[in-house]
Amino acid sequence: TLQDVPAGHKIAARFIAKGEAVRKY
């Protein structure tokens, strides 16, 4: 983790390029 992450929040699991879709479920 690169920053503190509150409970229920998300982190990038891999590199995500600018403009790329963010996918959950």
mmCIF file of all heavy atoms, coordinates in Angstrom:
data_MODEL
# 
_entry.id   MODEL 
# 
loop_
_atom_site.group_PDB 
_atom_site.id 
_atom_site.type_symbol 
_atom_site.label_atom_id 
_atom_site.label_alt_id 
_atom_site.label_comp_id 
_atom_site.label_asym_id 
_atom_site.label_entity_id 
_atom_site.label_seq_id 
_atom_site.pdbx_PDB_ins_code 
_atom_site.Cartn_x 
_atom_site.Cartn_y 
_atom_site.Cartn_z 
_atom_site.occupancy 
_atom_site.B_iso_or_equiv 
_atom_site.pdbx_formal_charge 
_atom_site.auth_seq_id 
_atom_site.auth_comp_id 
_atom_site.auth_asym_id 
_atom_site.auth_atom_id 
_atom_site.pdbx_PDB_model_num 
ATOM 1   N N   . THR A 1 1  ? 0.840   -1.201 0.000   1.00 0.00 ? 1  THR A N   1 
ATOM 2   C CA  . THR A 1 1  ? 0.000   0.000  0.000   1.00 0.00 ? 1  THR A CA  1 
ATOM 3   C C   . THR A 1 1  ? 0.873   1.248  0.000   1.00 0.00 ? 1  THR A C   1 
ATOM 4   O O   . THR A 1 1  ? 1.842   1.346  0.757   1.00 0.00 ? 1  THR A O   1 
ATOM 5   C CB  . THR A 1 1  ? -0.940  0.020  1.215   1.00 0.00 ? 1  THR A CB  1 
ATOM 6   O OG1 . THR A 1 1  ? -0.167  -0.080 2.412   1.00 0.00 ? 1  THR A OG1 1 
ATOM 7   C CG2 . THR A 1 1  ? -1.927  -1.143 1.173   1.00 0.00 ? 1  THR A CG2 1 
ATOM 8   N N   . LEU A 1 2  ? 0.511   2.218  -0.834  1.00 0.00 ? 2  LEU A N   1 
ATOM 9   C CA  . LEU A 1 2  ? 1.292   3.444  -0.973  1.00 0.00 ? 2  LEU A CA  1 
ATOM 10  C C   . LEU A 1 2  ? 0.760   4.570  -0.105  1.00 0.00 ? 2  LEU A C   1 
ATOM 11  O O   . LEU A 1 2  ? 1.471   5.546  0.126   1.00 0.00 ? 2  LEU A O   1 
ATOM 12  C CB  . LEU A 1 2  ? 1.307   3.883  -2.443  1.00 0.00 ? 2  LEU A CB  1 
ATOM 13  C CG  . LEU A 1 2  ? 1.873   2.868  -3.433  1.00 0.00 ? 2  LEU A CG  1 
ATOM 14  C CD1 . LEU A 1 2  ? 1.859   3.444  -4.837  1.00 0.00 ? 2  LEU A CD1 1 
ATOM 15  C CD2 . LEU A 1 2  ? 3.278   2.447  -3.034  1.00 0.00 ? 2  LEU A CD2 1 
ATOM 16  N N   . GLN A 1 3  ? -0.467  4.467  0.353   1.00 0.00 ? 3  GLN A N   1 
ATOM 17  C CA  . GLN A 1 3  ? -1.073  5.455  1.254   1.00 0.00 ? 3  GLN A CA  1 
ATOM 18  C C   . GLN A 1 3  ? -1.883  4.717  2.320   1.00 0.00 ? 3  GLN A C   1 
ATOM 19  O O   . GLN A 1 3  ? -2.155  3.517  2.193   1.00 0.00 ? 3  GLN A O   1 
ATOM 20  C CB  . GLN A 1 3  ? -2.022  6.409  0.488   1.00 0.00 ? 3  GLN A CB  1 
ATOM 21  C CG  . GLN A 1 3  ? -1.368  7.275  -0.578  1.00 0.00 ? 3  GLN A CG  1 
ATOM 22  C CD  . GLN A 1 3  ? -1.327  6.583  -1.931  1.00 0.00 ? 3  GLN A CD  1 
ATOM 23  O OE1 . GLN A 1 3  ? -2.075  5.649  -2.198  1.00 0.00 ? 3  GLN A OE1 1 
ATOM 24  N NE2 . GLN A 1 3  ? -0.428  7.046  -2.789  1.00 0.00 ? 3  GLN A NE2 1 
ATOM 25  N N   . ASP A 1 4  ? -2.264  5.447  3.376   1.00 0.00 ? 4  ASP A N   1 
ATOM 26  C CA  . ASP A 1 4  ? -3.215  4.885  4.331   1.00 0.00 ? 4  ASP A CA  1 
ATOM 27  C C   . ASP A 1 4  ? -4.537  4.628  3.601   1.00 0.00 ? 4  ASP A C   1 
ATOM 28  O O   . ASP A 1 4  ? -4.974  5.450  2.783   1.00 0.00 ? 4  ASP A O   1 
ATOM 29  C CB  . ASP A 1 4  ? -3.454  5.839  5.489   1.00 0.00 ? 4  ASP A CB  1 
ATOM 30  C CG  . ASP A 1 4  ? -2.236  6.006  6.390   1.00 0.00 ? 4  ASP A CG  1 
ATOM 31  O OD1 . ASP A 1 4  ? -1.323  5.153  6.320   1.00 0.00 ? 4  ASP A OD1 1 
ATOM 32  O OD2 . ASP A 1 4  ? -2.207  6.994  7.150   1.00 0.00 ? 4  ASP A OD2 1 
ATOM 33  N N   . VAL A 1 5  ? -5.184  3.506  3.931   1.00 0.00 ? 5  VAL A N   1 
ATOM 34  C CA  . VAL A 1 5  ? -6.431  3.137  3.255   1.00 0.00 ? 5  VAL A CA  1 
ATOM 35  C C   . VAL A 1 5  ? -7.517  2.906  4.307   1.00 0.00 ? 5  VAL A C   1 
ATOM 36  O O   . VAL A 1 5  ? -7.390  1.994  5.132   1.00 0.00 ? 5  VAL A O   1 
ATOM 37  C CB  . VAL A 1 5  ? -6.254  1.861  2.404   1.00 0.00 ? 5  VAL A CB  1 
ATOM 38  C CG1 . VAL A 1 5  ? -7.533  1.560  1.626   1.00 0.00 ? 5  VAL A CG1 1 
ATOM 39  C CG2 . VAL A 1 5  ? -5.067  1.992  1.468   1.00 0.00 ? 5  VAL A CG2 1 
ATOM 40  N N   . PRO A 1 6  ? -8.585  3.726  4.331   1.00 0.00 ? 6  PRO A N   1 
ATOM 41  C CA  . PRO A 1 6  ? -9.662  3.499  5.299   1.00 0.00 ? 6  PRO A CA  1 
ATOM 42  C C   . PRO A 1 6  ? -10.402 2.198  5.009   1.00 0.00 ? 6  PRO A C   1 
ATOM 43  O O   . PRO A 1 6  ? -10.406 1.707  3.873   1.00 0.00 ? 6  PRO A O   1 
ATOM 44  C CB  . PRO A 1 6  ? -10.586 4.710  5.086   1.00 0.00 ? 6  PRO A CB  1 
ATOM 45  C CG  . PRO A 1 6  ? -9.760  5.722  4.359   1.00 0.00 ? 6  PRO A CG  1 
ATOM 46  C CD  . PRO A 1 6  ? -8.800  4.936  3.528   1.00 0.00 ? 6  PRO A CD  1 
ATOM 47  N N   . ALA A 1 7  ? -11.036 1.655  6.014   1.00 0.00 ? 7  ALA A N   1 
ATOM 48  C CA  . ALA A 1 7  ? -11.843 0.447  5.841   1.00 0.00 ? 7  ALA A CA  1 
ATOM 49  C C   . ALA A 1 7  ? -12.935 0.698  4.811   1.00 0.00 ? 7  ALA A C   1 
ATOM 50  O O   . ALA A 1 7  ? -13.579 1.741  4.803   1.00 0.00 ? 7  ALA A O   1 
ATOM 51  C CB  . ALA A 1 7  ? -12.460 0.035  7.174   1.00 0.00 ? 7  ALA A CB  1 
ATOM 52  N N   . GLY A 1 8  ? -13.128 -0.274 3.922   1.00 0.00 ? 8  GLY A N   1 
ATOM 53  C CA  . GLY A 1 8  ? -14.160 -0.167 2.897   1.00 0.00 ? 8  GLY A CA  1 
ATOM 54  C C   . GLY A 1 8  ? -13.691 0.522  1.628   1.00 0.00 ? 8  GLY A C   1 
ATOM 55  O O   . GLY A 1 8  ? -14.423 0.551  0.641   1.00 0.00 ? 8  GLY A O   1 
ATOM 56  N N   . HIS A 1 9  ? -12.485 1.082  1.642   1.00 0.00 ? 9  HIS A N   1 
ATOM 57  C CA  . HIS A 1 9  ? -11.942 1.753  0.464   1.00 0.00 ? 9  HIS A CA  1 
ATOM 58  C C   . HIS A 1 9  ? -11.106 0.775  -0.368  1.00 0.00 ? 9  HIS A C   1 
ATOM 59  O O   . HIS A 1 9  ? -10.890 -0.373 0.027   1.00 0.00 ? 9  HIS A O   1 
ATOM 60  C CB  . HIS A 1 9  ? -11.111 2.962  0.880   1.00 0.00 ? 9  HIS A CB  1 
ATOM 61  C CG  . HIS A 1 9  ? -11.934 4.103  1.396   1.00 0.00 ? 9  HIS A CG  1 
ATOM 62  N ND1 . HIS A 1 9  ? -11.864 5.375  0.868   1.00 0.00 ? 9  HIS A ND1 1 
ATOM 63  C CD2 . HIS A 1 9  ? -12.848 4.173  2.402   1.00 0.00 ? 9  HIS A CD2 1 
ATOM 64  C CE1 . HIS A 1 9  ? -12.688 6.180  1.510   1.00 0.00 ? 9  HIS A CE1 1 
ATOM 65  N NE2 . HIS A 1 9  ? -13.291 5.469  2.456   1.00 0.00 ? 9  HIS A NE2 1 
ATOM 66  N N   . LYS A 1 10 ? -10.613 1.218  -1.498  1.00 0.00 ? 10 LYS A N   1 
ATOM 67  C CA  . LYS A 1 10 ? -9.986  0.352  -2.491  1.00 0.00 ? 10 LYS A CA  1 
ATOM 68  C C   . LYS A 1 10 ? -8.532  0.748  -2.750  1.00 0.00 ? 10 LYS A C   1 
ATOM 69  O O   . LYS A 1 10 ? -8.155  1.913  -2.549  1.00 0.00 ? 10 LYS A O   1 
ATOM 70  C CB  . LYS A 1 10 ? -10.754 0.445  -3.818  1.00 0.00 ? 10 LYS A CB  1 
ATOM 71  C CG  . LYS A 1 10 ? -12.211 0.063  -3.719  1.00 0.00 ? 10 LYS A CG  1 
ATOM 72  C CD  . LYS A 1 10 ? -13.003 0.514  -4.916  1.00 0.00 ? 10 LYS A CD  1 
ATOM 73  C CE  . LYS A 1 10 ? -13.166 2.036  -4.966  1.00 0.00 ? 10 LYS A CE  1 
ATOM 74  N NZ  . LYS A 1 10 ? -13.893 2.594  -3.830  1.00 0.00 ? 10 LYS A NZ  1 
ATOM 75  N N   . ILE A 1 11 ? -7.733  -0.222 -3.223  1.00 0.00 ? 11 ILE A N   1 
ATOM 76  C CA  . ILE A 1 11 ? -6.404  0.071  -3.775  1.00 0.00 ? 11 ILE A CA  1 
ATOM 77  C C   . ILE A 1 11 ? -6.315  -0.564 -5.157  1.00 0.00 ? 11 ILE A C   1 
ATOM 78  O O   . ILE A 1 11 ? -7.052  -1.508 -5.488  1.00 0.00 ? 11 ILE A O   1 
ATOM 79  C CB  . ILE A 1 11 ? -5.252  -0.458 -2.896  1.00 0.00 ? 11 ILE A CB  1 
ATOM 80  C CG1 . ILE A 1 11 ? -5.313  -1.993 -2.781  1.00 0.00 ? 11 ILE A CG1 1 
ATOM 81  C CG2 . ILE A 1 11 ? -5.247  0.204  -1.533  1.00 0.00 ? 11 ILE A CG2 1 
ATOM 82  C CD1 . ILE A 1 11 ? -4.039  -2.611 -2.221  1.00 0.00 ? 11 ILE A CD1 1 
ATOM 83  N N   . ALA A 1 12 ? -5.402  -0.034 -5.963  1.00 0.00 ? 12 ALA A N   1 
ATOM 84  C CA  . ALA A 1 12 ? -5.114  -0.642 -7.261  1.00 0.00 ? 12 ALA A CA  1 
ATOM 85  C C   . ALA A 1 12 ? -4.367  -1.949 -7.039  1.00 0.00 ? 12 ALA A C   1 
ATOM 86  O O   . ALA A 1 12 ? -3.352  -1.983 -6.345  1.00 0.00 ? 12 ALA A O   1 
ATOM 87  C CB  . ALA A 1 12 ? -4.288  0.303  -8.114  1.00 0.00 ? 12 ALA A CB  1 
ATOM 88  N N   . ALA A 1 13 ? -4.882  -3.015 -7.627  1.00 0.00 ? 13 ALA A N   1 
ATOM 89  C CA  . ALA A 1 13 ? -4.236  -4.320 -7.473  1.00 0.00 ? 13 ALA A CA  1 
ATOM 90  C C   . ALA A 1 13 ? -3.152  -4.542 -8.521  1.00 0.00 ? 13 ALA A C   1 
ATOM 91  O O   . ALA A 1 13 ? -2.375  -5.496 -8.410  1.00 0.00 ? 13 ALA A O   1 
ATOM 92  C CB  . ALA A 1 13 ? -5.282  -5.428 -7.567  1.00 0.00 ? 13 ALA A CB  1 
ATOM 93  N N   . ARG A 1 14 ? -3.102  -3.684 -9.510  1.00 0.00 ? 14 ARG A N   1 
ATOM 94  C CA  . ARG A 1 14 ? -2.062  -3.726 -10.541 1.00 0.00 ? 14 ARG A CA  1 
ATOM 95  C C   . ARG A 1 14 ? -1.965  -2.326 -11.139 1.00 0.00 ? 14 ARG A C   1 
ATOM 96  O O   . ARG A 1 14 ? -2.729  -1.422 -10.757 1.00 0.00 ? 14 ARG A O   1 
ATOM 97  C CB  . ARG A 1 14 ? -2.397  -4.758 -11.618 1.00 0.00 ? 14 ARG A CB  1 
ATOM 98  C CG  . ARG A 1 14 ? -3.704  -4.476 -12.367 1.00 0.00 ? 14 ARG A CG  1 
ATOM 99  C CD  . ARG A 1 14 ? -3.814  -5.338 -13.612 1.00 0.00 ? 14 ARG A CD  1 
ATOM 100 N NE  . ARG A 1 14 ? -5.064  -5.172 -14.318 1.00 0.00 ? 14 ARG A NE  1 
ATOM 101 C CZ  . ARG A 1 14 ? -5.371  -4.142 -15.110 1.00 0.00 ? 14 ARG A CZ  1 
ATOM 102 N NH1 . ARG A 1 14 ? -4.498  -3.140 -15.278 1.00 0.00 ? 14 ARG A NH1 1 
ATOM 103 N NH2 . ARG A 1 14 ? -6.532  -4.093 -15.736 1.00 0.00 ? 14 ARG A NH2 1 
ATOM 104 N N   . PHE A 1 15 ? -1.058  -2.113 -12.066 1.00 0.00 ? 15 PHE A N   1 
ATOM 105 C CA  . PHE A 1 15 ? -0.961  -0.818 -12.742 1.00 0.00 ? 15 PHE A CA  1 
ATOM 106 C C   . PHE A 1 15 ? -2.234  -0.564 -13.545 1.00 0.00 ? 15 PHE A C   1 
ATOM 107 O O   . PHE A 1 15 ? -2.701  -1.439 -14.289 1.00 0.00 ? 15 PHE A O   1 
ATOM 108 C CB  . PHE A 1 15 ? 0.251   -0.792 -13.669 1.00 0.00 ? 15 PHE A CB  1 
ATOM 109 C CG  . PHE A 1 15 ? 0.353   0.478  -14.465 1.00 0.00 ? 15 PHE A CG  1 
ATOM 110 C CD1 . PHE A 1 15 ? 0.831   1.650  -13.878 1.00 0.00 ? 15 PHE A CD1 1 
ATOM 111 C CD2 . PHE A 1 15 ? -0.059  0.514  -15.792 1.00 0.00 ? 15 PHE A CD2 1 
ATOM 112 C CE1 . PHE A 1 15 ? 0.914   2.822  -14.616 1.00 0.00 ? 15 PHE A CE1 1 
ATOM 113 C CE2 . PHE A 1 15 ? 0.033   1.681  -16.532 1.00 0.00 ? 15 PHE A CE2 1 
ATOM 114 C CZ  . PHE A 1 15 ? 0.514   2.844  -15.932 1.00 0.00 ? 15 PHE A CZ  1 
ATOM 115 N N   . ILE A 1 16 ? -2.811  0.636  -13.382 1.00 0.00 ? 16 ILE A N   1 
ATOM 116 C CA  . ILE A 1 16 ? -4.010  1.026  -14.125 1.00 0.00 ? 16 ILE A CA  1 
ATOM 117 C C   . ILE A 1 16 ? -3.667  2.306  -14.889 1.00 0.00 ? 16 ILE A C   1 
ATOM 118 O O   . ILE A 1 16 ? -3.308  3.332  -14.296 1.00 0.00 ? 16 ILE A O   1 
ATOM 119 C CB  . ILE A 1 16 ? -5.203  1.272  -13.195 1.00 0.00 ? 16 ILE A CB  1 
ATOM 120 C CG1 . ILE A 1 16 ? -5.494  0.032  -12.330 1.00 0.00 ? 16 ILE A CG1 1 
ATOM 121 C CG2 . ILE A 1 16 ? -6.445  1.645  -14.004 1.00 0.00 ? 16 ILE A CG2 1 
ATOM 122 C CD1 . ILE A 1 16 ? -6.592  0.229  -11.291 1.00 0.00 ? 16 ILE A CD1 1 
ATOM 123 N N   . ALA A 1 17 ? -3.757  2.246  -16.199 1.00 0.00 ? 17 ALA A N   1 
ATOM 124 C CA  . ALA A 1 17 ? -3.381  3.383  -17.035 1.00 0.00 ? 17 ALA A CA  1 
ATOM 125 C C   . ALA A 1 17 ? -4.457  4.453  -17.018 1.00 0.00 ? 17 ALA A C   1 
ATOM 126 O O   . ALA A 1 17 ? -5.646  4.161  -16.832 1.00 0.00 ? 17 ALA A O   1 
ATOM 127 C CB  . ALA A 1 17 ? -3.134  2.921  -18.469 1.00 0.00 ? 17 ALA A CB  1 
ATOM 128 N N   . LYS A 1 18 ? -4.026  5.709  -17.228 1.00 0.00 ? 18 LYS A N   1 
ATOM 129 C CA  . LYS A 1 18 ? -4.972  6.816  -17.306 1.00 0.00 ? 18 LYS A CA  1 
ATOM 130 C C   . LYS A 1 18 ? -6.036  6.518  -18.362 1.00 0.00 ? 18 LYS A C   1 
ATOM 131 O O   . LYS A 1 18 ? -5.725  6.122  -19.483 1.00 0.00 ? 18 LYS A O   1 
ATOM 132 C CB  . LYS A 1 18 ? -4.228  8.108  -17.660 1.00 0.00 ? 18 LYS A CB  1 
ATOM 133 C CG  . LYS A 1 18 ? -5.134  9.329  -17.753 1.00 0.00 ? 18 LYS A CG  1 
ATOM 134 C CD  . LYS A 1 18 ? -4.347  10.588 -18.064 1.00 0.00 ? 18 LYS A CD  1 
ATOM 135 C CE  . LYS A 1 18 ? -5.266  11.804 -18.154 1.00 0.00 ? 18 LYS A CE  1 
ATOM 136 N NZ  . LYS A 1 18 ? -4.498  13.052 -18.435 1.00 0.00 ? 18 LYS A NZ  1 
ATOM 137 N N   . GLY A 1 19 ? -7.311  6.697  -17.982 1.00 0.00 ? 19 GLY A N   1 
ATOM 138 C CA  . GLY A 1 19 ? -8.425  6.439  -18.887 1.00 0.00 ? 19 GLY A CA  1 
ATOM 139 C C   . GLY A 1 19 ? -8.920  5.015  -18.888 1.00 0.00 ? 19 GLY A C   1 
ATOM 140 O O   . GLY A 1 19 ? -9.982  4.720  -19.461 1.00 0.00 ? 19 GLY A O   1 
ATOM 141 N N   . GLU A 1 20 ? -8.197  4.105  -18.248 1.00 0.00 ? 20 GLU A N   1 
ATOM 142 C CA  . GLU A 1 20 ? -8.606  2.700  -18.208 1.00 0.00 ? 20 GLU A CA  1 
ATOM 143 C C   . GLU A 1 20 ? -9.780  2.522  -17.264 1.00 0.00 ? 20 GLU A C   1 
ATOM 144 O O   . GLU A 1 20 ? -9.900  3.194  -16.241 1.00 0.00 ? 20 GLU A O   1 
ATOM 145 C CB  . GLU A 1 20 ? -7.431  1.832  -17.762 1.00 0.00 ? 20 GLU A CB  1 
ATOM 146 C CG  . GLU A 1 20 ? -7.727  0.336  -17.781 1.00 0.00 ? 20 GLU A CG  1 
ATOM 147 C CD  . GLU A 1 20 ? -6.543  -0.508 -17.347 1.00 0.00 ? 20 GLU A CD  1 
ATOM 148 O OE1 . GLU A 1 20 ? -5.420  0.049  -17.243 1.00 0.00 ? 20 GLU A OE1 1 
ATOM 149 O OE2 . GLU A 1 20 ? -6.734  -1.706 -17.100 1.00 0.00 ? 20 GLU A OE2 1 
ATOM 150 N N   . ALA A 1 21 ? -10.665 1.590  -17.587 1.00 0.00 ? 21 ALA A N   1 
ATOM 151 C CA  . ALA A 1 21 ? -11.813 1.307  -16.739 1.00 0.00 ? 21 ALA A CA  1 
ATOM 152 C C   . ALA A 1 21 ? -11.366 0.718  -15.402 1.00 0.00 ? 21 ALA A C   1 
ATOM 153 O O   . ALA A 1 21 ? -10.478 -0.149 -15.360 1.00 0.00 ? 21 ALA A O   1 
ATOM 154 C CB  . ALA A 1 21 ? -12.762 0.340  -17.434 1.00 0.00 ? 21 ALA A CB  1 
ATOM 155 N N   . VAL A 1 22 ? -11.968 1.190  -14.322 1.00 0.00 ? 22 VAL A N   1 
ATOM 156 C CA  . VAL A 1 22 ? -11.753 0.632  -12.994 1.00 0.00 ? 22 VAL A CA  1 
ATOM 157 C C   . VAL A 1 22 ? -12.852 -0.396 -12.766 1.00 0.00 ? 22 VAL A C   1 
ATOM 158 O O   . VAL A 1 22 ? -14.040 -0.091 -12.885 1.00 0.00 ? 22 VAL A O   1 
ATOM 159 C CB  . VAL A 1 22 ? -11.801 1.734  -11.921 1.00 0.00 ? 22 VAL A CB  1 
ATOM 160 C CG1 . VAL A 1 22 ? -11.615 1.139  -10.529 1.00 0.00 ? 22 VAL A CG1 1 
ATOM 161 C CG2 . VAL A 1 22 ? -10.743 2.794  -12.202 1.00 0.00 ? 22 VAL A CG2 1 
ATOM 162 N N   . ARG A 1 23 ? -12.461 -1.623 -12.410 1.00 0.00 ? 23 ARG A N   1 
ATOM 163 C CA  . ARG A 1 23 ? -13.424 -2.723 -12.340 1.00 0.00 ? 23 ARG A CA  1 
ATOM 164 C C   . ARG A 1 23 ? -13.506 -3.276 -10.923 1.00 0.00 ? 23 ARG A C   1 
ATOM 165 O O   . ARG A 1 23 ? -12.500 -3.609 -10.303 1.00 0.00 ? 23 ARG A O   1 
ATOM 166 C CB  . ARG A 1 23 ? -13.046 -3.837 -13.316 1.00 0.00 ? 23 ARG A CB  1 
ATOM 167 C CG  . ARG A 1 23 ? -12.885 -3.366 -14.764 1.00 0.00 ? 23 ARG A CG  1 
ATOM 168 C CD  . ARG A 1 23 ? -12.748 -4.528 -15.723 1.00 0.00 ? 23 ARG A CD  1 
ATOM 169 N NE  . ARG A 1 23 ? -14.035 -5.179 -15.944 1.00 0.00 ? 23 ARG A NE  1 
ATOM 170 C CZ  . ARG A 1 23 ? -14.894 -4.817 -16.905 1.00 0.00 ? 23 ARG A CZ  1 
ATOM 171 N NH1 . ARG A 1 23 ? -14.599 -3.806 -17.712 1.00 0.00 ? 23 ARG A NH1 1 
ATOM 172 N NH2 . ARG A 1 23 ? -16.030 -5.460 -17.051 1.00 0.00 ? 23 ARG A NH2 1 
ATOM 173 N N   . LYS A 1 24 ? -14.748 -3.372 -10.435 1.00 0.00 ? 24 LYS A N   1 
ATOM 174 C CA  . LYS A 1 24 ? -15.062 -3.976 -9.142  1.00 0.00 ? 24 LYS A CA  1 
ATOM 175 C C   . LYS A 1 24 ? -16.227 -4.921 -9.367  1.00 0.00 ? 24 LYS A C   1 
ATOM 176 O O   . LYS A 1 24 ? -17.217 -4.539 -9.999  1.00 0.00 ? 24 LYS A O   1 
ATOM 177 C CB  . LYS A 1 24 ? -15.421 -2.872 -8.129  1.00 0.00 ? 24 LYS A CB  1 
ATOM 178 C CG  . LYS A 1 24 ? -15.839 -3.378 -6.757  1.00 0.00 ? 24 LYS A CG  1 
ATOM 179 C CD  . LYS A 1 24 ? -16.196 -2.192 -5.858  1.00 0.00 ? 24 LYS A CD  1 
ATOM 180 C CE  . LYS A 1 24 ? -16.707 -2.650 -4.503  1.00 0.00 ? 24 LYS A CE  1 
ATOM 181 N NZ  . LYS A 1 24 ? -17.094 -1.496 -3.648  1.00 0.00 ? 24 LYS A NZ  1 
ATOM 182 N N   . TYR A 1 25 ? -16.151 -6.137 -8.850  1.00 0.00 ? 25 TYR A N   1 
ATOM 183 C CA  . TYR A 1 25 ? -17.144 -7.168 -9.178  1.00 0.00 ? 25 TYR A CA  1 
ATOM 184 C C   . TYR A 1 25 ? -17.206 -7.367 -10.693 1.00 0.00 ? 25 TYR A C   1 
ATOM 185 O O   . TYR A 1 25 ? -18.256 -7.642 -11.255 1.00 0.00 ? 25 TYR A O   1 
ATOM 186 C CB  . TYR A 1 25 ? -18.538 -6.800 -8.652  1.00 0.00 ? 25 TYR A CB  1 
ATOM 187 C CG  . TYR A 1 25 ? -18.873 -7.332 -7.287  1.00 0.00 ? 25 TYR A CG  1 
ATOM 188 C CD1 . TYR A 1 25 ? -19.258 -6.470 -6.267  1.00 0.00 ? 25 TYR A CD1 1 
ATOM 189 C CD2 . TYR A 1 25 ? -18.844 -8.695 -7.010  1.00 0.00 ? 25 TYR A CD2 1 
ATOM 190 C CE1 . TYR A 1 25 ? -19.594 -6.945 -5.005  1.00 0.00 ? 25 TYR A CE1 1 
ATOM 191 C CE2 . TYR A 1 25 ? -19.185 -9.184 -5.760  1.00 0.00 ? 25 TYR A CE2 1 
ATOM 192 C CZ  . TYR A 1 25 ? -19.558 -8.299 -4.763  1.00 0.00 ? 25 TYR A CZ  1 
ATOM 193 O OH  . TYR A 1 25 ? -19.888 -8.781 -3.521  1.00 0.00 ? 25 TYR A OH  1 
# 
